[in-house]
PDB file of N, CA and C in Angstrom:
ATOM      1  N   UNK A   1     -65.086 -58.727  37.067  1.00  0.00           N
ATOM      2  CA  UNK A   1     -64.799 -58.165  35.710  1.00  0.00           C
ATOM      3  C   UNK A   1     -65.993 -58.875  34.529  1.00  0.00           C
ATOM      4  N   UNK A   2     -66.401 -58.293  34.010  1.00  0.00           N
ATOM      5  CA  UNK A   2     -67.411 -58.810  32.993  1.00  0.00           C
ATOM      6  C   UNK A   2     -66.868 -59.128  31.629  1.00  0.00           C
ATOM      7  N   UNK A   3     -67.138 -60.258  31.026  1.00  0.00           N
ATOM      8  CA  UNK A   3     -66.607 -60.716  29.658  1.00  0.00           C
ATOM      9  C   UNK A   3     -67.786 -60.730  28.901  1.00  0.00           C
ATOM     10  N   UNK A   4     -67.854 -60.000  28.136  1.00  0.00           N
ATOM     11  CA  UNK A   4     -68.971 -60.158  26.827  1.00  0.00           C
ATOM     12  C   UNK A   4     -68.681 -60.919  25.694  1.00  0.00           C
ATOM     13  N   UNK A   5     -69.471 -61.935  25.239  1.00  0.00           N
ATOM     14  CA  UNK A   5     -69.131 -62.602  24.154  1.00  0.00           C
ATOM     15  C   UNK A   5     -69.661 -62.082  22.924  1.00  0.00           C
ATOM     16  N   UNK A   6     -68.747 -62.251  21.795  1.00  0.00           N
ATOM     17  CA  UNK A   6     -69.098 -61.414  20.588  1.00  0.00           C
ATOM     18  C   UNK A   6     -69.670 -62.428  19.542  1.00  0.00           C
ATOM     19  N   UNK A   7     -70.648 -63.477  20.007  1.00  0.00           N
ATOM     20  CA  UNK A   7     -70.904 -64.658  19.180  1.00  0.00           C
ATOM     21  C   UNK A   7     -72.140 -63.798  18.538  1.00  0.00           C
ATOM     22  N   UNK A   8     -72.477 -64.506  17.199  1.00  0.00           N
ATOM     23  CA  UNK A   8     -73.738 -63.770  16.515  1.00  0.00           C
ATOM     24  C   UNK A   8     -75.116 -64.409  17.149  1.00  0.00           C
ATOM     25  N   UNK A   9     -76.242 -63.610  17.095  1.00  0.00           N
ATOM     26  CA  UNK A   9     -77.655 -63.931  17.558  1.00  0.00           C
ATOM     27  C   UNK A   9     -78.003 -65.318  17.259  1.00  0.00           C
ATOM     28  N   UNK A  10     -77.562 -65.812  16.001  1.00  0.00           N
ATOM     29  CA  UNK A  10     -78.032 -66.991  15.487  1.00  0.00           C
ATOM     30  C   UNK A  10     -77.575 -68.063  15.930  1.00  0.00           C
ATOM     31  N   UNK A  11     -76.032 -67.911  16.289  1.00  0.00           N
ATOM     32  CA  UNK A  11     -75.418 -69.216  17.031  1.00  0.00           C
ATOM     33  C   UNK A  11     -76.030 -69.288  18.442  1.00  0.00           C
ATOM     34  N   UNK A  12     -76.273 -68.226  19.128  1.00  0.00           N
ATOM     35  CA  UNK A  12     -76.920 -67.970  20.677  1.00  0.00           C
ATOM     36  C   UNK A  12     -78.236 -68.894  20.427  1.00  0.00           C
ATOM     37  N   UNK A  13     -78.983 -68.706  19.597  1.00  0.00           N
ATOM     38  CA  UNK A  13     -80.400 -69.224  19.491  1.00  0.00           C
ATOM     39  C   UNK A  13     -80.248 -70.737  19.160  1.00  0.00           C
ATOM     40  N   UNK A  14     -79.103 -70.959  18.237  1.00  0.00           N
ATOM     41  CA  UNK A  14     -79.005 -72.464  17.912  1.00  0.00           C
ATOM     42  C   UNK A  14     -78.487 -73.096  19.127  1.00  0.00           C
ATOM     43  N   UNK A  15     -77.651 -72.481  19.860  1.00  0.00           N
ATOM     44  CA  UNK A  15     -77.399 -73.426  21.425  1.00  0.00           C
ATOM     45  C   UNK A  15     -78.417 -73.524  22.178  1.00  0.00           C
ATOM     46  N   UNK A  16     -79.551 -72.425  22.327  1.00  0.00           N
ATOM     47  CA  UNK A  16     -80.492 -72.454  23.112  1.00  0.00           C
ATOM     48  C   UNK A  16     -81.292 -73.353  22.587  1.00  0.00           C
ATOM     49  N   UNK A  17     -81.889 -73.569  21.377  1.00  0.00           N
ATOM     50  CA  UNK A  17     -82.739 -74.816  20.744  1.00  0.00           C
ATOM     51  C   UNK A  17     -82.232 -76.095  20.980  1.00  0.00           C
ATOM     52  N   UNK A  18     -80.981 -76.422  21.103  1.00  0.00           N
ATOM     53  CA  UNK A  18     -80.440 -77.749  21.564  1.00  0.00           C
ATOM     54  C   UNK A  18     -80.303 -77.981  23.049  1.00  0.00           C
ATOM     55  N   UNK A  19     -79.994 -76.770  23.913  1.00  0.00           N
ATOM     56  CA  UNK A  19     -80.527 -77.113  25.394  1.00  0.00           C
ATOM     57  C   UNK A  19     -81.731 -77.261  25.543  1.00  0.00           C
ATOM     58  N   UNK A  20     -82.681 -76.553  25.027  1.00  0.00           N
ATOM     59  CA  UNK A  20     -84.175 -76.858  25.227  1.00  0.00           C
ATOM     60  C   UNK A  20     -84.624 -78.568  24.781  1.00  0.00           C
ATOM     61  N   UNK A  21     -84.040 -78.812  23.384  1.00  0.00           N
ATOM     62  CA  UNK A  21     -84.282 -80.153  23.125  1.00  0.00           C
ATOM     63  C   UNK A  21     -83.895 -81.209  24.243  1.00  0.00           C
ATOM     64  N   UNK A  22     -82.757 -80.904  24.650  1.00  0.00           N
ATOM     65  CA  UNK A  22     -82.360 -81.792  25.653  1.00  0.00           C
ATOM     66  C   UNK A  22     -83.331 -81.623  26.952  1.00  0.00           C
ATOM     67  N   UNK A  23     -83.740 -80.568  27.366  1.00  0.00           N
ATOM     68  CA  UNK A  23     -84.709 -80.787  28.403  1.00  0.00           C
ATOM     69  C   UNK A  23     -86.084 -81.334  28.221  1.00  0.00           C
ATOM     70  N   UNK A  24     -86.446 -81.406  26.738  1.00  0.00           N
ATOM     71  CA  UNK A  24     -87.768 -81.994  26.575  1.00  0.00           C
ATOM     72  C   UNK A  24     -87.607 -83.304  26.489  1.00  0.00           C
ATOM     73  N   UNK A  25     -86.351 -83.763  26.124  1.00  0.00           N
ATOM     74  CA  UNK A  25     -86.152 -85.286  26.294  1.00  0.00           C
ATOM     75  C   UNK A  25     -86.365 -86.043  27.487  1.00  0.00           C
ATOM     76  N   UNK A  26     -86.022 -85.103  28.515  1.00  0.00           N
ATOM     77  CA  UNK A  26     -86.385 -85.871  30.089  1.00  0.00           C
ATOM     78  C   UNK A  26     -87.484 -85.326  30.536  1.00  0.00           C
ATOM     79  N   UNK A  27     -88.226 -84.898  29.860  1.00  0.00           N
ATOM     80  CA  UNK A  27     -89.856 -84.063  30.378  1.00  0.00           C
ATOM     81  C   UNK A  27     -90.380 -85.289  30.713  1.00  0.00           C
ATOM     82  N   UNK A  28     -91.418 -85.326  31.744  1.00  0.00           N
ATOM     83  CA  UNK A  28     -92.429 -86.196  32.289  1.00  0.00           C
ATOM     84  C   UNK A  28     -93.631 -85.375  32.311  1.00  0.00           C
ATOM     85  N   UNK A  29     -93.629 -84.430  33.115  1.00  0.00           N
ATOM     86  CA  UNK A  29     -95.178 -83.808  33.224  1.00  0.00           C
ATOM     87  C   UNK A  29     -94.876 -82.440  33.626  1.00  0.00           C
ATOM     88  N   UNK A  30     -95.868 -81.717  33.706  1.00  0.00           N
ATOM     89  CA  UNK A  30     -95.718 -80.166  33.989  1.00  0.00           C
ATOM     90  C   UNK A  30     -94.788 -79.848  35.183  1.00  0.00           C
ATOM     91  N   UNK A  31     -93.791 -79.232  35.123  1.00  0.00           N
ATOM     92  CA  UNK A  31     -93.069 -78.507  36.443  1.00  0.00           C
ATOM     93  C   UNK A  31     -93.988 -77.737  37.295  1.00  0.00           C
ATOM     94  N   UNK A  32     -93.610 -77.372  38.282  1.00  0.00           N
ATOM     95  CA  UNK A  32     -94.103 -76.284  39.069  1.00  0.00           C
ATOM     96  C   UNK A  32     -93.881 -74.748  38.328  1.00  0.00           C
ATOM     97  N   UNK A  33     -94.708 -74.089  38.425  1.00  0.00           N
ATOM     98  CA  UNK A  33     -94.634 -72.737  37.810  1.00  0.00           C
ATOM     99  C   UNK A  33     -95.410 -72.029  38.837  1.00  0.00           C
ATOM    100  N   UNK A  34     -94.247 -71.224  39.506  1.00  0.00           N
ATOM    101  CA  UNK A  34     -94.548 -70.056  40.624  1.00  0.00           C
ATOM    102  C   UNK A  34     -95.603 -69.027  40.212  1.00  0.00           C
ATOM    103  N   UNK A  35     -96.060 -68.993  39.019  1.00  0.00           N
ATOM    104  CA  UNK A  35     -97.416 -67.927  38.740  1.00  0.00           C
ATOM    105  C   UNK A  35     -98.403 -68.713  39.197  1.00  0.00           C
ATOM    106  N   UNK A  36     -98.472 -69.956  38.989  1.00  0.00           N
ATOM    107  CA  UNK A  36     -99.759 -70.862  39.442  1.00  0.00           C
ATOM    108  C   UNK A  36     -99.667 -71.453  40.824  1.00  0.00           C
ATOM    109  N   UNK A  37     -99.540 -71.065  41.975  1.00  0.00           N
ATOM    110  CA  UNK A  37     -99.122 -71.936  43.054  1.00  0.00           C
ATOM    111  C   UNK A  37    -100.227 -72.773  43.444  1.00  0.00           C
ATOM    112  N   UNK A  38    -101.403 -72.455  43.126  1.00  0.00           N
ATOM    113  CA  UNK A  38    -102.617 -73.042  43.591  1.00  0.00           C
ATOM    114  C   UNK A  38    -103.047 -74.320  43.002  1.00  0.00           C
ATOM    115  N   UNK A  39    -104.039 -75.232  43.716  1.00  0.00           N
ATOM    116  CA  UNK A  39    -104.309 -76.454  43.004  1.00  0.00           C
ATOM    117  C   UNK A  39    -104.937 -76.440  41.582  1.00  0.00           C
ATOM    118  N   UNK A  40    -105.690 -75.446  41.621  1.00  0.00           N
ATOM    119  CA  UNK A  40    -106.561 -75.168  40.208  1.00  0.00           C
ATOM    120  C   UNK A  40    -105.344 -75.033  39.169  1.00  0.00           C
ATOM    121  N   UNK A  41    -105.333 -75.734  38.078  1.00  0.00           N
ATOM    122  CA  UNK A  41    -104.130 -75.265  37.302  1.00  0.00           C
ATOM    123  C   UNK A  41    -104.790 -74.821  35.882  1.00  0.00           C
ATOM    124  N   UNK A  42    -106.386 -74.447  35.970  1.00  0.00           N
ATOM    125  CA  UNK A  42    -107.070 -74.003  34.582  1.00  0.00           C
ATOM    126  C   UNK A  42    -106.361 -73.082  33.964  1.00  0.00           C
ATOM    127  N   UNK A  43    -105.779 -71.956  34.686  1.00  0.00           N
ATOM    128  CA  UNK A  43    -105.095 -70.696  34.401  1.00  0.00           C
ATOM    129  C   UNK A  43    -103.480 -71.149  33.954  1.00  0.00           C
ATOM    130  N   UNK A  44    -102.935 -72.135  34.186  1.00  0.00           N
ATOM    131  CA  UNK A  44    -101.558 -72.574  33.951  1.00  0.00           C
ATOM    132  C   UNK A  44    -101.700 -73.051  32.561  1.00  0.00           C
ATOM    133  N   UNK A  45    -102.769 -74.097  32.384  1.00  0.00           N
ATOM    134  CA  UNK A  45    -103.187 -74.929  31.230  1.00  0.00           C
ATOM    135  C   UNK A  45    -103.365 -73.963  29.924  1.00  0.00           C
ATOM    136  N   UNK A  46    -104.208 -72.921  30.236  1.00  0.00           N
ATOM    137  CA  UNK A  46    -104.484 -71.717  29.174  1.00  0.00           C
ATOM    138  C   UNK A  46    -103.327 -71.163  28.874  1.00  0.00           C
ATOM    139  N   UNK A  47    -102.530 -70.549  30.033  1.00  0.00           N
ATOM    140  CA  UNK A  47    -101.368 -69.561  29.643  1.00  0.00           C
ATOM    141  C   UNK A  47    -100.431 -70.590  28.886  1.00  0.00           C
ATOM    142  N   UNK A  48    -100.068 -71.657  29.020  1.00  0.00           N
ATOM    143  CA  UNK A  48     -99.047 -72.466  28.219  1.00  0.00           C
ATOM    144  C   UNK A  48     -99.636 -72.676  26.987  1.00  0.00           C
ATOM    145  N   UNK A  49    -100.817 -72.782  26.474  1.00  0.00           N
ATOM    146  CA  UNK A  49    -101.597 -72.930  25.285  1.00  0.00           C
ATOM    147  C   UNK A  49    -101.203 -71.614  24.586  1.00  0.00           C
ATOM    148  N   UNK A  50    -101.480 -70.515  25.331  1.00  0.00           N
ATOM    149  CA  UNK A  50    -101.151 -69.051  24.583  1.00  0.00           C
ATOM    150  C   UNK A  50     -99.662 -68.988  24.305  1.00  0.00           C
ATOM    151  N   UNK A  51     -98.889 -69.452  25.219  1.00  0.00           N
ATOM    152  CA  UNK A  51     -97.372 -69.482  25.186  1.00  0.00           C
ATOM    153  C   UNK A  51     -96.955 -70.081  23.945  1.00  0.00           C
ATOM    154  N   UNK A  52     -97.408 -71.229  23.688  1.00  0.00           N
ATOM    155  CA  UNK A  52     -97.076 -72.125  22.479  1.00  0.00           C
ATOM    156  C   UNK A  52     -97.263 -71.274  21.285  1.00  0.00           C
ATOM    157  N   UNK A  53     -98.483 -70.889  21.156  1.00  0.00           N
ATOM    158  CA  UNK A  53     -99.095 -70.404  19.879  1.00  0.00           C
ATOM    159  C   UNK A  53     -98.244 -68.791  19.558  1.00  0.00           C
ATOM    160  N   UNK A  54     -98.167 -68.315  20.492  1.00  0.00           N
ATOM    161  CA  UNK A  54     -97.348 -66.859  20.517  1.00  0.00           C
ATOM    162  C   UNK A  54     -96.026 -67.290  20.238  1.00  0.00           C
ATOM    163  N   UNK A  55     -95.075 -68.130  20.699  1.00  0.00           N
ATOM    164  CA  UNK A  55     -93.818 -68.598  20.647  1.00  0.00           C
ATOM    165  C   UNK A  55     -93.673 -68.912  18.951  1.00  0.00           C
ATOM    166  N   UNK A  56     -94.646 -69.937  18.592  1.00  0.00           N
ATOM    167  CA  UNK A  56     -94.528 -70.400  17.370  1.00  0.00           C
ATOM    168  C   UNK A  56     -94.544 -69.449  16.290  1.00  0.00           C
ATOM    169  N   UNK A  57     -95.537 -68.452  16.801  1.00  0.00           N
ATOM    170  CA  UNK A  57     -95.898 -67.304  16.013  1.00  0.00           C
ATOM    171  C   UNK A  57     -94.799 -66.493  15.515  1.00  0.00           C
ATOM    172  N   UNK A  58     -94.024 -66.105  16.519  1.00  0.00           N
ATOM    173  CA  UNK A  58     -92.849 -65.182  16.805  1.00  0.00           C
ATOM    174  C   UNK A  58     -91.687 -65.895  15.871  1.00  0.00           C
ATOM    175  N   UNK A  59     -91.496 -67.207  16.432  1.00  0.00           N
ATOM    176  CA  UNK A  59     -90.162 -67.571  15.836  1.00  0.00           C
ATOM    177  C   UNK A  59     -90.175 -67.845  14.328  1.00  0.00           C
ATOM    178  N   UNK A  60     -91.521 -68.368  14.158  1.00  0.00           N
ATOM    179  CA  UNK A  60     -91.880 -68.823  12.326  1.00  0.00           C
ATOM    180  C   UNK A  60     -91.727 -67.465  11.696  1.00  0.00           C
ATOM    181  N   UNK A  61     -92.238 -66.335  12.220  1.00  0.00           N
ATOM    182  CA  UNK A  61     -92.047 -64.895  11.563  1.00  0.00           C
ATOM    183  C   UNK A  61     -90.649 -64.556  11.414  1.00  0.00           C
ATOM    184  N   UNK A  62     -89.765 -64.978  12.159  1.00  0.00           N
ATOM    185  CA  UNK A  62     -88.550 -64.529  12.034  1.00  0.00           C
ATOM    186  C   UNK A  62     -87.847 -65.630  11.359  1.00  0.00           C
ATOM    187  N   UNK A  63     -88.347 -66.749  10.953  1.00  0.00           N
ATOM    188  CA  UNK A  63     -87.450 -67.697  10.077  1.00  0.00           C
ATOM    189  C   UNK A  63     -86.620 -68.650  10.899  1.00  0.00           C
ATOM    190  N   UNK A  64     -86.992 -68.555  12.280  1.00  0.00           N
ATOM    191  CA  UNK A  64     -86.154 -69.240  13.135  1.00  0.00           C
ATOM    192  C   UNK A  64     -86.707 -70.652  13.715  1.00  0.00           C
ATOM    193  N   UNK A  65     -85.777 -71.568  14.256  1.00  0.00           N
ATOM    194  CA  UNK A  65     -86.311 -72.916  14.517  1.00  0.00           C
ATOM    195  C   UNK A  65     -87.378 -72.765  15.767  1.00  0.00           C
ATOM    196  N   UNK A  66     -88.365 -73.522  15.498  1.00  0.00           N
ATOM    197  CA  UNK A  66     -89.604 -73.431  16.633  1.00  0.00           C
ATOM    198  C   UNK A  66     -89.328 -74.575  17.798  1.00  0.00           C
ATOM    199  N   UNK A  67     -88.247 -75.417  17.913  1.00  0.00           N
ATOM    200  CA  UNK A  67     -88.180 -76.230  18.882  1.00  0.00           C
ATOM    201  C   UNK A  67     -88.331 -75.808  20.234  1.00  0.00           C
ATOM    202  N   UNK A  68     -87.927 -74.616  20.615  1.00  0.00           N
ATOM    203  CA  UNK A  68     -88.092 -74.227  22.052  1.00  0.00           C
ATOM    204  C   UNK A  68     -89.695 -74.116  22.266  1.00  0.00           C
ATOM    205  N   UNK A  69     -90.468 -73.965  21.266  1.00  0.00           N
ATOM    206  CA  UNK A  69     -91.811 -73.845  21.539  1.00  0.00           C
ATOM    207  C   UNK A  69     -92.455 -75.044  22.083  1.00  0.00           C
ATOM    208  N   UNK A  70     -91.813 -76.212  21.496  1.00  0.00           N
ATOM    209  CA  UNK A  70     -92.388 -77.782  21.942  1.00  0.00           C
ATOM    210  C   UNK A  70     -92.601 -77.614  23.636  1.00  0.00           C
ATOM    211  N   UNK A  71     -91.773 -76.847  24.263  1.00  0.00           N
ATOM    212  CA  UNK A  71     -91.781 -77.074  25.712  1.00  0.00           C
ATOM    213  C   UNK A  71     -93.137 -76.673  26.472  1.00  0.00           C
ATOM    214  N   UNK A  72     -93.733 -75.485  25.356  1.00  0.00           N
ATOM    215  CA  UNK A  72     -95.150 -75.081  26.114  1.00  0.00           C
ATOM    216  C   UNK A  72     -96.079 -76.133  25.760  1.00  0.00           C
ATOM    217  N   UNK A  73     -96.085 -76.680  24.428  1.00  0.00           N
ATOM    218  CA  UNK A  73     -96.765 -77.517  24.066  1.00  0.00           C
ATOM    219  C   UNK A  73     -96.839 -78.992  24.853  1.00  0.00           C
ATOM    220  N   UNK A  74     -95.832 -79.196  25.333  1.00  0.00           N
ATOM    221  CA  UNK A  74     -96.035 -80.522  26.134  1.00  0.00           C
ATOM    222  C   UNK A  74     -96.567 -79.944  27.469  1.00  0.00           C
ATOM    223  N   UNK A  75     -96.398 -78.918  27.965  1.00  0.00           N
ATOM    224  CA  UNK A  75     -96.888 -78.836  29.426  1.00  0.00           C
ATOM    225  C   UNK A  75     -98.377 -78.367  29.330  1.00  0.00           C
ATOM    226  N   UNK A  76     -98.962 -77.604  27.890  1.00  0.00           N
ATOM    227  CA  UNK A  76    -100.332 -77.584  27.906  1.00  0.00           C
ATOM    228  C   UNK A  76    -101.004 -78.985  27.641  1.00  0.00           C
ATOM    229  N   UNK A  77    -100.290 -79.734  26.991  1.00  0.00           N
ATOM    230  CA  UNK A  77    -100.944 -81.316  26.597  1.00  0.00           C
ATOM    231  C   UNK A  77    -100.926 -82.165  27.755  1.00  0.00           C
ATOM    232  N   UNK A  78    -100.032 -81.663  29.126  1.00  0.00           N
ATOM    233  CA  UNK A  78     -99.984 -82.465  30.242  1.00  0.00           C
ATOM    234  C   UNK A  78    -101.022 -81.761  30.936  1.00  0.00           C
ATOM    235  N   UNK A  79    -101.535 -80.644  31.078  1.00  0.00           N
ATOM    236  CA  UNK A  79    -102.407 -79.822  31.945  1.00  0.00           C
ATOM    237  C   UNK A  79    -103.879 -80.190  31.463  1.00  0.00           C
ATOM    238  N   UNK A  80    -104.078 -79.654  30.315  1.00  0.00           N
ATOM    239  CA  UNK A  80    -105.396 -79.292  29.712  1.00  0.00           C
ATOM    240  C   UNK A  80    -106.024 -80.719  29.236  1.00  0.00           C
ATOM    241  N   UNK A  81    -107.345 -80.605  29.648  1.00  0.00           N
ATOM    242  CA  UNK A  81    -108.290 -81.675  28.796  1.00  0.00           C
ATOM    243  C   UNK A  81    -108.470 -81.753  27.492  1.00  0.00           C
ATOM    244  N   UNK A  82    -108.221 -82.957  26.705  1.00  0.00           N
ATOM    245  CA  UNK A  82    -108.226 -83.037  25.253  1.00  0.00           C
ATOM    246  C   UNK A  82    -109.396 -81.975  24.702  1.00  0.00           C
ATOM    247  N   UNK A  83    -110.556 -82.236  25.083  1.00  0.00           N
ATOM    248  CA  UNK A  83    -111.873 -81.514  24.775  1.00  0.00           C
ATOM    249  C   UNK A  83    -111.371 -79.948  24.828  1.00  0.00           C
ATOM    250  N   UNK A  84    -110.757 -79.435  25.579  1.00  0.00           N
ATOM    251  CA  UNK A  84    -110.518 -78.128  25.657  1.00  0.00           C
ATOM    252  C   UNK A  84    -109.540 -77.675  24.714  1.00  0.00           C
ATOM    253  N   UNK A  85    -108.683 -78.236  24.488  1.00  0.00           N
ATOM    254  CA  UNK A  85    -107.640 -78.055  23.374  1.00  0.00           C
ATOM    255  C   UNK A  85    -108.413 -78.144  21.917  1.00  0.00           C
ATOM    256  N   UNK A  86    -109.110 -79.298  21.724  1.00  0.00           N
ATOM    257  CA  UNK A  86    -109.860 -79.541  20.395  1.00  0.00           C
ATOM    258  C   UNK A  86    -110.745 -78.089  19.983  1.00  0.00           C
ATOM    259  N   UNK A  87    -111.193 -77.702  21.272  1.00  0.00           N
ATOM    260  CA  UNK A  87    -112.052 -76.668  21.086  1.00  0.00           C
ATOM    261  C   UNK A  87    -111.253 -75.321  20.542  1.00  0.00           C
ATOM    262  N   UNK A  88    -110.407 -75.164  21.513  1.00  0.00           N
ATOM    263  CA  UNK A  88    -109.572 -73.895  21.340  1.00  0.00           C
ATOM    264  C   UNK A  88    -108.913 -73.972  19.773  1.00  0.00           C
ATOM    265  N   UNK A  89    -108.545 -75.059  19.402  1.00  0.00           N
ATOM    266  CA  UNK A  89    -107.936 -75.445  18.112  1.00  0.00           C
ATOM    267  C   UNK A  89    -108.927 -74.966  16.880  1.00  0.00           C
ATOM    268  N   UNK A  90    -110.130 -75.393  17.296  1.00  0.00           N
ATOM    269  CA  UNK A  90    -111.221 -74.867  16.140  1.00  0.00           C
ATOM    270  C   UNK A  90    -111.314 -73.168  16.391  1.00  0.00           C
ATOM    271  N   UNK A  91    -111.281 -72.914  17.534  1.00  0.00           N
ATOM    272  CA  UNK A  91    -111.477 -71.281  17.377  1.00  0.00           C
ATOM    273  C   UNK A  91    -110.421 -70.512  16.896  1.00  0.00           C
ATOM    274  N   UNK A  92    -109.310 -71.096  17.018  1.00  0.00           N
ATOM    275  CA  UNK A  92    -108.121 -70.351  16.466  1.00  0.00           C
ATOM    276  C   UNK A  92    -108.053 -70.387  14.945  1.00  0.00           C
ATOM    277  N   UNK A  93    -108.811 -71.808  14.390  1.00  0.00           N
ATOM    278  CA  UNK A  93    -108.612 -71.596  12.941  1.00  0.00           C
ATOM    279  C   UNK A  93    -110.030 -70.965  12.304  1.00  0.00           C
ATOM    280  N   UNK A  94    -110.932 -70.656  13.095  1.00  0.00           N
ATOM    281  CA  UNK A  94    -112.089 -69.761  12.803  1.00  0.00           C
ATOM    282  C   UNK A  94    -111.972 -68.354  13.160  1.00  0.00           C
ATOM    283  N   UNK A  95    -110.940 -68.050  13.752  1.00  0.00           N
ATOM    284  CA  UNK A  95    -110.518 -66.923  14.368  1.00  0.00           C
ATOM    285  C   UNK A  95    -111.436 -66.212  15.379  1.00  0.00           C
ATOM    286  N   UNK A  96    -112.119 -66.888  15.987  1.00  0.00           N
ATOM    287  CA  UNK A  96    -112.908 -66.736  17.338  1.00  0.00           C
ATOM    288  C   UNK A  96    -112.557 -67.018  18.612  1.00  0.00           C
ATOM    289  N   UNK A  97    -111.097 -67.279  18.631  1.00  0.00           N
ATOM    290  CA  UNK A  97    -110.295 -67.859  19.846  1.00  0.00           C
ATOM    291  C   UNK A  97    -110.416 -66.333  20.642  1.00  0.00           C
ATOM    292  N   UNK A  98    -110.793 -66.727  21.993  1.00  0.00           N
ATOM    293  CA  UNK A  98    -110.727 -65.288  22.799  1.00  0.00           C
ATOM    294  C   UNK A  98    -109.570 -64.925  23.446  1.00  0.00           C
ATOM    295  N   UNK A  99    -108.520 -65.458  23.170  1.00  0.00           N
ATOM    296  CA  UNK A  99    -107.119 -65.198  23.744  1.00  0.00           C
ATOM    297  C   UNK A  99    -106.367 -64.482  22.653  1.00  0.00           C
ATOM    298  N   UNK A 100    -105.175 -63.647  22.879  1.00  0.00           N
ATOM    299  CA  UNK A 100    -104.648 -62.883  22.131  1.00  0.00           C
ATOM    300  C   UNK A 100    -103.196 -63.662  21.973  1.00  0.00           C
ATOM    301  N   UNK A 101    -103.334 -64.211  20.492  1.00  0.00           N
ATOM    302  CA  UNK A 101    -102.217 -64.707  20.087  1.00  0.00           C
ATOM    303  C   UNK A 101    -101.118 -63.799  19.381  1.00  0.00           C
TER     304      UNK A 101
END
């Protein structure tokens, strides 16, 4: 038998942000991601950079807490060389970033 909760969505996302904040506290380095099983983690780095900016943009537009997005930021900062991130940040500001954010 399925039981559905009638909690408002804002309460769900509030709880989700707390859960993610707890996970971030125990974070050490990027965990295994089944989408990127090989040794070369270049694509994993780039994808997490995109995911962070997409998450930030989407939640900011809705006026919601962006704490869940910190997970992606920590992962890409763990995987990506600093020079790449600085270059991408500059491209995002200039509007010349090749990824779709």
